N, C-alpha and C. Protein backbone atom coordinates (compact mmCIF):
# COMPACT_ATOMS: atom_id res chain seq x y z
N MET A 1 18.13 8.46 9.29
CA MET A 1 16.79 9.01 9.01
C MET A 1 16.42 8.62 7.49
N SER A 2 15.36 7.98 7.24
CA SER A 2 15.01 7.75 5.84
C SER A 2 13.85 8.63 5.45
N ALA A 3 14.16 9.33 4.57
CA ALA A 3 13.06 10.50 4.06
C ALA A 3 11.91 9.77 3.46
N GLU A 4 11.94 8.66 2.91
CA GLU A 4 10.72 7.97 2.26
C GLU A 4 10.08 7.39 3.36
N LEU A 5 10.54 6.75 4.37
CA LEU A 5 9.75 6.23 5.42
C LEU A 5 9.04 7.58 6.19
N LEU A 6 9.67 8.52 6.41
CA LEU A 6 9.17 9.66 6.97
C LEU A 6 8.01 10.32 6.18
N ALA A 7 8.04 10.25 4.88
CA ALA A 7 7.14 10.92 4.05
C ALA A 7 5.96 9.94 4.05
N PHE A 8 6.15 8.56 3.97
CA PHE A 8 4.92 7.64 3.92
C PHE A 8 4.20 7.78 5.28
N GLY A 9 5.09 7.91 6.34
CA GLY A 9 4.45 7.97 7.56
C GLY A 9 3.62 9.15 7.93
N VAL A 10 4.08 10.36 7.56
CA VAL A 10 3.23 11.52 7.67
C VAL A 10 2.16 11.56 6.77
N SER A 11 2.19 10.97 5.68
CA SER A 11 0.99 10.83 4.58
C SER A 11 -0.12 9.88 5.13
N ALA A 12 0.44 8.82 5.93
CA ALA A 12 -0.60 7.85 6.43
C ALA A 12 -1.34 8.50 7.58
N LEU A 13 -0.52 9.26 8.39
CA LEU A 13 -1.09 10.09 9.60
C LEU A 13 -2.16 11.05 8.96
N ALA A 14 -1.72 11.83 8.03
CA ALA A 14 -2.70 12.74 7.55
C ALA A 14 -3.97 12.23 6.82
N LEU A 15 -3.74 10.95 6.31
CA LEU A 15 -4.83 10.40 5.64
C LEU A 15 -5.79 9.81 6.82
N GLY A 16 -5.16 9.35 7.84
CA GLY A 16 -6.11 8.81 8.90
C GLY A 16 -6.89 9.89 9.61
N ILE A 17 -6.20 11.09 9.89
CA ILE A 17 -6.96 12.20 10.48
C ILE A 17 -7.79 12.64 9.51
N GLY A 18 -7.76 12.79 8.23
CA GLY A 18 -8.61 13.17 7.11
C GLY A 18 -9.80 12.29 7.08
N VAL A 19 -9.69 10.98 7.26
CA VAL A 19 -10.87 9.90 7.44
C VAL A 19 -11.82 10.37 8.43
N LEU A 20 -11.14 10.53 9.68
CA LEU A 20 -11.87 10.91 10.90
C LEU A 20 -12.74 12.26 10.72
N VAL A 21 -12.02 13.26 10.18
CA VAL A 21 -12.58 14.43 10.04
C VAL A 21 -13.97 14.45 9.14
N ALA A 22 -13.58 13.62 7.87
CA ALA A 22 -14.45 13.47 6.88
C ALA A 22 -15.82 12.74 7.45
N ALA A 23 -15.50 11.79 8.23
CA ALA A 23 -16.53 10.87 8.93
C ALA A 23 -17.40 11.73 9.91
N ARG A 24 -16.64 12.59 10.47
CA ARG A 24 -17.43 13.49 11.61
C ARG A 24 -18.27 14.47 10.79
N HIS A 25 -18.02 14.90 9.54
CA HIS A 25 -18.90 15.88 9.10
C HIS A 25 -20.03 15.09 8.08
N LEU A 26 -19.64 13.84 7.71
CA LEU A 26 -20.61 12.99 6.84
C LEU A 26 -21.49 12.40 7.66
N TYR A 27 -21.26 11.71 8.69
CA TYR A 27 -22.29 10.96 9.33
C TYR A 27 -23.42 11.52 9.93
N PRO A 28 -23.49 12.85 10.23
CA PRO A 28 -24.77 13.43 10.70
C PRO A 28 -25.72 13.56 9.60
N ARG A 29 -25.28 13.86 8.44
CA ARG A 29 -26.02 13.89 7.14
C ARG A 29 -26.70 12.57 6.73
N LEU A 30 -26.17 11.50 7.15
CA LEU A 30 -26.86 10.22 6.58
C LEU A 30 -27.93 9.83 7.24
N GLU A 31 -28.95 9.27 6.51
CA GLU A 31 -30.17 8.70 7.19
C GLU A 31 -30.00 7.24 7.19
N LEU A 32 -29.37 6.78 8.28
CA LEU A 32 -29.19 5.14 8.32
C LEU A 32 -29.89 4.66 9.61
N PRO A 33 -30.26 3.35 9.61
CA PRO A 33 -30.65 2.80 10.72
C PRO A 33 -29.54 2.80 11.83
N ALA A 34 -29.84 2.51 13.10
CA ALA A 34 -28.85 2.54 14.05
C ALA A 34 -28.01 1.49 13.97
N ASP A 35 -28.34 0.33 13.53
CA ASP A 35 -27.37 -0.72 13.30
C ASP A 35 -26.34 -0.47 12.19
N ALA A 36 -26.76 -0.11 11.10
CA ALA A 36 -25.94 0.37 10.01
C ALA A 36 -24.96 1.35 10.37
N GLU A 37 -25.45 2.46 11.09
CA GLU A 37 -24.65 3.53 11.53
C GLU A 37 -23.48 3.17 12.33
N SER A 38 -23.84 2.21 13.36
CA SER A 38 -22.86 1.75 14.43
C SER A 38 -21.85 0.89 13.64
N SER A 39 -22.23 0.17 12.66
CA SER A 39 -21.24 -0.71 11.89
C SER A 39 -20.26 0.15 11.17
N LEU A 40 -20.82 1.26 10.52
CA LEU A 40 -20.22 2.07 9.62
C LEU A 40 -19.10 2.84 10.53
N GLU A 41 -19.68 3.40 11.59
CA GLU A 41 -18.59 3.94 12.69
C GLU A 41 -17.68 3.03 13.06
N LEU A 42 -17.87 1.91 13.41
CA LEU A 42 -16.90 0.79 13.76
C LEU A 42 -15.61 0.68 12.54
N LEU A 43 -16.33 0.45 11.43
CA LEU A 43 -15.31 0.17 10.35
C LEU A 43 -14.57 1.40 10.10
N THR A 44 -15.16 2.74 10.08
CA THR A 44 -14.29 3.85 9.98
C THR A 44 -13.23 3.95 10.99
N ALA A 45 -13.51 3.56 12.42
CA ALA A 45 -12.62 3.70 13.46
C ALA A 45 -11.47 2.85 13.21
N MET A 46 -11.79 1.57 12.74
CA MET A 46 -10.78 0.50 12.52
C MET A 46 -9.82 1.00 11.36
N ILE A 47 -10.34 1.49 10.24
CA ILE A 47 -9.48 2.02 9.06
C ILE A 47 -8.80 3.22 9.44
N ALA A 48 -9.29 4.11 10.22
CA ALA A 48 -8.51 5.28 10.76
C ALA A 48 -7.28 4.80 11.78
N GLY A 49 -7.71 3.85 12.58
CA GLY A 49 -6.76 3.36 13.58
C GLY A 49 -5.53 2.67 12.91
N ILE A 50 -5.80 1.82 11.93
CA ILE A 50 -4.76 1.25 11.17
C ILE A 50 -3.90 2.25 10.59
N LEU A 51 -4.53 3.33 9.85
CA LEU A 51 -3.68 4.33 9.20
C LEU A 51 -2.84 5.04 10.17
N LEU A 52 -3.56 5.45 11.33
CA LEU A 52 -2.74 6.34 12.35
C LEU A 52 -1.56 5.38 12.75
N LEU A 53 -1.91 4.23 13.31
CA LEU A 53 -0.85 3.27 13.96
C LEU A 53 0.23 3.07 12.90
N THR A 54 0.06 2.72 11.66
CA THR A 54 0.94 2.53 10.54
C THR A 54 1.73 3.78 10.32
N GLY A 55 1.15 5.09 10.33
CA GLY A 55 1.89 6.24 10.16
C GLY A 55 2.81 6.51 11.31
N LEU A 56 2.34 6.31 12.59
CA LEU A 56 3.17 6.52 13.68
C LEU A 56 4.38 5.52 13.73
N GLY A 57 4.10 4.38 13.52
CA GLY A 57 5.18 3.37 13.25
C GLY A 57 6.22 3.84 12.16
N LEU A 58 5.75 4.16 11.00
CA LEU A 58 6.74 4.50 10.10
C LEU A 58 7.55 5.81 10.48
N VAL A 59 6.93 6.80 10.93
CA VAL A 59 7.67 7.92 11.56
C VAL A 59 8.65 7.60 12.54
N LEU A 60 8.17 6.79 13.56
CA LEU A 60 9.21 6.26 14.63
C LEU A 60 10.41 5.47 14.03
N LEU A 61 10.06 4.65 13.11
CA LEU A 61 11.10 3.93 12.50
C LEU A 61 12.02 4.79 11.72
N SER A 62 11.43 5.77 10.99
CA SER A 62 12.60 6.60 10.32
C SER A 62 13.33 7.36 11.14
N LEU A 63 12.74 7.81 12.20
CA LEU A 63 13.54 8.58 13.20
C LEU A 63 14.52 7.86 14.05
N PHE A 64 14.18 6.65 14.42
CA PHE A 64 15.05 5.98 15.48
C PHE A 64 15.49 4.71 14.82
N GLY A 65 15.24 4.34 13.64
CA GLY A 65 15.57 3.08 12.99
C GLY A 65 16.99 3.13 12.29
């Protein structure tokens, strides 16, 4: 088990969850057109997905690699 991989994986997971939570609280306050809001939601979902999958991969790699 590599402690560095585990630490980076957990931090990437926390950052991905933090992005989703922050977006959930921030988006209702924004006054954006529907097109811009949907593009922003898609971009946020892609960034959060990359962070979550990277974090999960690093955690699994540190535990089983």
